[in-house]
Amino acid sequence: MLVVVGACAGLSACATTGEFEALKSRVDTLESNVSAAQSDAAAARATANDAVNIANQAMDKANEANARSIDTETKIDRMFKRAMHK
């Protein structure tokens, strides 16, 4: 068992500076990619929030137009009934 531990320790100590730098470069690239992904996600979230706000405004306008339409229909119906009773 001691031989296996010694061999592992010996092998891990054999990493060259070049290998270390290559690994560090890969880690830096991954960190950069994660940062870019987080930035993209934040931008997508902001765009989605804007879209929700616009949809809510459109829904408010549609509800307002529907209420006006119902009001107008009611007025026309009353005028029609008055005209029929004369």
N, C-alpha and C. Protein backbone atom coordinates (compact mmCIF):
# COMPACT_ATOMS: atom_id res chain seq x y z
N MET A 1 0.83 -1.18 0.00
CA MET A 1 0.00 0.00 0.00
C MET A 1 0.87 1.24 0.00
N LEU A 2 1.90 1.25 0.76
CA LEU A 2 2.81 2.38 0.84
C LEU A 2 3.49 2.63 -0.49
N VAL A 3 3.74 1.58 -1.23
CA VAL A 3 4.37 1.71 -2.54
C VAL A 3 3.44 2.44 -3.51
N VAL A 4 2.13 2.12 -3.47
CA VAL A 4 1.14 2.77 -4.34
C VAL A 4 1.04 4.25 -4.01
N VAL A 5 0.99 4.58 -2.74
CA VAL A 5 0.92 5.99 -2.32
C VAL A 5 2.18 6.72 -2.77
N GLY A 6 3.34 6.09 -2.60
CA GLY A 6 4.59 6.72 -3.03
C GLY A 6 4.64 6.91 -4.53
N ALA A 7 4.16 5.93 -5.29
CA ALA A 7 4.15 6.04 -6.75
C ALA A 7 3.23 7.17 -7.19
N CYS A 8 2.07 7.27 -6.58
CA CYS A 8 1.12 8.34 -6.94
C CYS A 8 1.71 9.71 -6.62
N ALA A 9 2.33 9.82 -5.48
CA ALA A 9 2.94 11.09 -5.10
C ALA A 9 4.07 11.43 -6.06
N GLY A 10 4.83 10.44 -6.44
CA GLY A 10 5.93 10.66 -7.38
C GLY A 10 5.44 11.07 -8.75
N LEU A 11 4.35 10.45 -9.22
CA LEU A 11 3.81 10.79 -10.54
C LEU A 11 3.19 12.19 -10.54
N SER A 12 2.54 12.54 -9.48
CA SER A 12 1.91 13.87 -9.46
C SER A 12 2.97 14.97 -9.40
N ALA A 13 4.11 14.67 -8.88
CA ALA A 13 5.18 15.67 -8.80
C ALA A 13 5.88 15.84 -10.14
N CYS A 14 5.58 14.99 -11.10
CA CYS A 14 6.25 15.04 -12.39
C CYS A 14 5.61 16.00 -13.37
N ALA A 15 4.53 16.64 -13.00
CA ALA A 15 3.87 17.56 -13.92
C ALA A 15 4.82 18.71 -14.25
N THR A 16 4.92 19.02 -15.51
CA THR A 16 5.83 20.08 -15.93
C THR A 16 5.15 21.43 -15.84
N THR A 17 5.94 22.45 -15.88
CA THR A 17 5.40 23.81 -15.88
C THR A 17 4.52 24.03 -17.09
N GLY A 18 4.91 23.46 -18.22
CA GLY A 18 4.11 23.59 -19.43
C GLY A 18 2.74 22.95 -19.27
N GLU A 19 2.69 21.79 -18.64
CA GLU A 19 1.41 21.13 -18.40
C GLU A 19 0.54 21.94 -17.45
N PHE A 20 1.19 22.49 -16.43
CA PHE A 20 0.47 23.33 -15.49
C PHE A 20 -0.10 24.57 -16.18
N GLU A 21 0.69 25.20 -17.01
CA GLU A 21 0.25 26.40 -17.73
C GLU A 21 -0.90 26.05 -18.69
N ALA A 22 -0.80 24.89 -19.36
CA ALA A 22 -1.86 24.46 -20.27
C ALA A 22 -3.15 24.24 -19.50
N LEU A 23 -3.06 23.62 -18.36
CA LEU A 23 -4.24 23.39 -17.52
C LEU A 23 -4.80 24.71 -17.02
N LYS A 24 -3.92 25.60 -16.59
CA LYS A 24 -4.37 26.93 -16.13
C LYS A 24 -5.07 27.68 -17.26
N SER A 25 -4.56 27.58 -18.46
CA SER A 25 -5.17 28.22 -19.62
C SER A 25 -6.57 27.66 -19.87
N ARG A 26 -6.71 26.35 -19.75
CA ARG A 26 -8.03 25.72 -19.95
C ARG A 26 -9.01 26.19 -18.89
N VAL A 27 -8.55 26.29 -17.64
CA VAL A 27 -9.41 26.76 -16.56
C VAL A 27 -9.81 28.21 -16.81
N ASP A 28 -8.86 29.04 -17.23
CA ASP A 28 -9.16 30.45 -17.53
C ASP A 28 -10.20 30.55 -18.65
N THR A 29 -10.06 29.71 -19.67
CA THR A 29 -11.01 29.71 -20.78
C THR A 29 -12.40 29.31 -20.29
N LEU A 30 -12.45 28.28 -19.44
CA LEU A 30 -13.75 27.85 -18.89
C LEU A 30 -14.38 28.96 -18.05
N GLU A 31 -13.57 29.64 -17.25
CA GLU A 31 -14.09 30.74 -16.44
C GLU A 31 -14.63 31.85 -17.33
N SER A 32 -13.93 32.13 -18.42
CA SER A 32 -14.38 33.14 -19.36
C SER A 32 -15.70 32.73 -20.01
N ASN A 33 -15.79 31.45 -20.38
CA ASN A 33 -17.03 30.96 -20.99
C ASN A 33 -18.21 31.03 -20.02
N VAL A 34 -17.96 30.71 -18.77
CA VAL A 34 -19.01 30.80 -17.75
C VAL A 34 -19.45 32.24 -17.58
N SER A 35 -18.50 33.14 -17.54
CA SER A 35 -18.82 34.57 -17.40
C SER A 35 -19.65 35.06 -18.59
N ALA A 36 -19.26 34.65 -19.79
CA ALA A 36 -20.01 35.04 -20.98
C ALA A 36 -21.42 34.46 -20.95
N ALA A 37 -21.55 33.22 -20.50
CA ALA A 37 -22.87 32.58 -20.42
C ALA A 37 -23.76 33.30 -19.40
N GLN A 38 -23.17 33.71 -18.27
CA GLN A 38 -23.93 34.45 -17.28
C GLN A 38 -24.39 35.79 -17.82
N SER A 39 -23.52 36.45 -18.57
CA SER A 39 -23.87 37.73 -19.18
C SER A 39 -24.99 37.55 -20.21
N ASP A 40 -24.88 36.52 -21.03
CA ASP A 40 -25.92 36.23 -22.01
C ASP A 40 -27.25 35.92 -21.33
N ALA A 41 -27.20 35.17 -20.24
CA ALA A 41 -28.42 34.83 -19.51
C ALA A 41 -29.06 36.08 -18.92
N ALA A 42 -28.25 36.98 -18.39
CA ALA A 42 -28.79 38.23 -17.83
C ALA A 42 -29.44 39.08 -18.93
N ALA A 43 -28.82 39.13 -20.10
CA ALA A 43 -29.40 39.88 -21.21
C ALA A 43 -30.70 39.24 -21.68
N ALA A 44 -30.73 37.92 -21.73
CA ALA A 44 -31.95 37.22 -22.14
C ALA A 44 -33.07 37.45 -21.12
N ARG A 45 -32.71 37.45 -19.84
CA ARG A 45 -33.71 37.71 -18.80
C ARG A 45 -34.27 39.12 -18.94
N ALA A 46 -33.42 40.09 -19.21
CA ALA A 46 -33.88 41.48 -19.38
C ALA A 46 -34.79 41.60 -20.59
N THR A 47 -34.43 40.93 -21.68
CA THR A 47 -35.26 40.96 -22.89
C THR A 47 -36.61 40.30 -22.62
N ALA A 48 -36.60 39.20 -21.90
CA ALA A 48 -37.85 38.51 -21.57
C ALA A 48 -38.73 39.40 -20.68
N ASN A 49 -38.12 40.08 -19.73
CA ASN A 49 -38.89 40.99 -18.87
C ASN A 49 -39.50 42.12 -19.69
N ASP A 50 -38.75 42.65 -20.65
CA ASP A 50 -39.29 43.69 -21.54
C ASP A 50 -40.47 43.15 -22.34
N ALA A 51 -40.34 41.94 -22.84
CA ALA A 51 -41.42 41.33 -23.63
C ALA A 51 -42.67 41.13 -22.78
N VAL A 52 -42.49 40.71 -21.54
CA VAL A 52 -43.63 40.54 -20.64
C VAL A 52 -44.31 41.88 -20.40
N ASN A 53 -43.53 42.93 -20.18
CA ASN A 53 -44.11 44.26 -19.95
C ASN A 53 -44.90 44.73 -21.16
N ILE A 54 -44.35 44.53 -22.35
CA ILE A 54 -45.05 44.93 -23.58
C ILE A 54 -46.33 44.11 -23.75
N ALA A 55 -46.26 42.81 -23.47
CA ALA A 55 -47.46 41.97 -23.57
C ALA A 55 -48.53 42.41 -22.58
N ASN A 56 -48.10 42.78 -21.37
CA ASN A 56 -49.07 43.26 -20.37
C ASN A 56 -49.72 44.56 -20.82
N GLN A 57 -48.94 45.46 -21.41
CA GLN A 57 -49.50 46.71 -21.92
C GLN A 57 -50.49 46.44 -23.05
N ALA A 58 -50.14 45.51 -23.93
CA ALA A 58 -51.04 45.16 -25.03
C ALA A 58 -52.34 44.55 -24.50
N MET A 59 -52.22 43.72 -23.47
CA MET A 59 -53.41 43.12 -22.88
C MET A 59 -54.29 44.19 -22.25
N ASP A 60 -53.67 45.16 -21.57
CA ASP A 60 -54.44 46.27 -20.99
C ASP A 60 -55.20 47.03 -22.07
N LYS A 61 -54.51 47.32 -23.18
CA LYS A 61 -55.16 48.04 -24.28
C LYS A 61 -56.29 47.21 -24.88
N ALA A 62 -56.08 45.92 -25.04
CA ALA A 62 -57.12 45.05 -25.60
C ALA A 62 -58.33 45.00 -24.67
N ASN A 63 -58.09 44.92 -23.36
CA ASN A 63 -59.20 44.91 -22.40
C ASN A 63 -59.95 46.23 -22.43
N GLU A 64 -59.21 47.32 -22.56
CA GLU A 64 -59.84 48.64 -22.66
C GLU A 64 -60.69 48.75 -23.93
N ALA A 65 -60.16 48.27 -25.04
CA ALA A 65 -60.91 48.30 -26.30
C ALA A 65 -62.15 47.42 -26.21
N ASN A 66 -62.03 46.28 -25.56
CA ASN A 66 -63.18 45.39 -25.41
C ASN A 66 -64.25 46.06 -24.56
N ALA A 67 -63.86 46.74 -23.49
CA ALA A 67 -64.82 47.43 -22.64
C ALA A 67 -65.53 48.53 -23.42
N ARG A 68 -64.79 49.27 -24.23
CA ARG A 68 -65.41 50.31 -25.06
C ARG A 68 -66.38 49.70 -26.07
N SER A 69 -66.00 48.59 -26.65
CA SER A 69 -66.87 47.90 -27.62
C SER A 69 -68.17 47.46 -26.96
N ILE A 70 -68.08 46.89 -25.77
CA ILE A 70 -69.28 46.46 -25.05
C ILE A 70 -70.14 47.67 -24.71
N ASP A 71 -69.53 48.76 -24.29
CA ASP A 71 -70.26 49.99 -23.98
C ASP A 71 -70.97 50.52 -25.21
N THR A 72 -70.28 50.55 -26.32
CA THR A 72 -70.88 51.04 -27.58
C THR A 72 -72.02 50.12 -28.01
N GLU A 73 -71.82 48.82 -27.91
CA GLU A 73 -72.87 47.87 -28.28
C GLU A 73 -74.11 48.07 -27.42
N THR A 74 -73.91 48.33 -26.12
CA THR A 74 -75.02 48.57 -25.21
C THR A 74 -75.78 49.84 -25.61
N LYS A 75 -75.05 50.89 -25.94
CA LYS A 75 -75.69 52.15 -26.35
C LYS A 75 -76.48 51.96 -27.65
N ILE A 76 -75.91 51.26 -28.60
CA ILE A 76 -76.60 51.02 -29.88
C ILE A 76 -77.85 50.19 -29.63
N ASP A 77 -77.76 49.20 -28.78
CA ASP A 77 -78.91 48.35 -28.47
C ASP A 77 -80.02 49.18 -27.83
N ARG A 78 -79.67 50.07 -26.90
CA ARG A 78 -80.68 50.93 -26.26
C ARG A 78 -81.33 51.84 -27.30
N MET A 79 -80.53 52.44 -28.19
CA MET A 79 -81.09 53.32 -29.23
C MET A 79 -82.00 52.54 -30.16
N PHE A 80 -81.63 51.32 -30.50
CA PHE A 80 -82.45 50.50 -31.37
C PHE A 80 -83.80 50.19 -30.69
N LYS A 81 -83.77 49.85 -29.41
CA LYS A 81 -85.00 49.52 -28.69
C LYS A 81 -85.89 50.76 -28.58
N ARG A 82 -85.30 51.94 -28.35
CA ARG A 82 -86.08 53.18 -28.30
C ARG A 82 -86.73 53.46 -29.65
N ALA A 83 -85.98 53.25 -30.71
CA ALA A 83 -86.52 53.51 -32.05
C ALA A 83 -87.66 52.54 -32.37
N MET A 84 -87.59 51.32 -31.87
CA MET A 84 -88.62 50.33 -32.15
C MET A 84 -89.91 50.63 -31.36
N HIS A 85 -89.79 51.31 -30.22
CA HIS A 85 -90.96 51.62 -29.40
C HIS A 85 -91.67 52.89 -29.84
N LYS A 86 -91.13 53.63 -30.71
CA LYS A 86 -91.76 54.89 -31.15
C LYS A 86 -92.70 54.66 -32.25
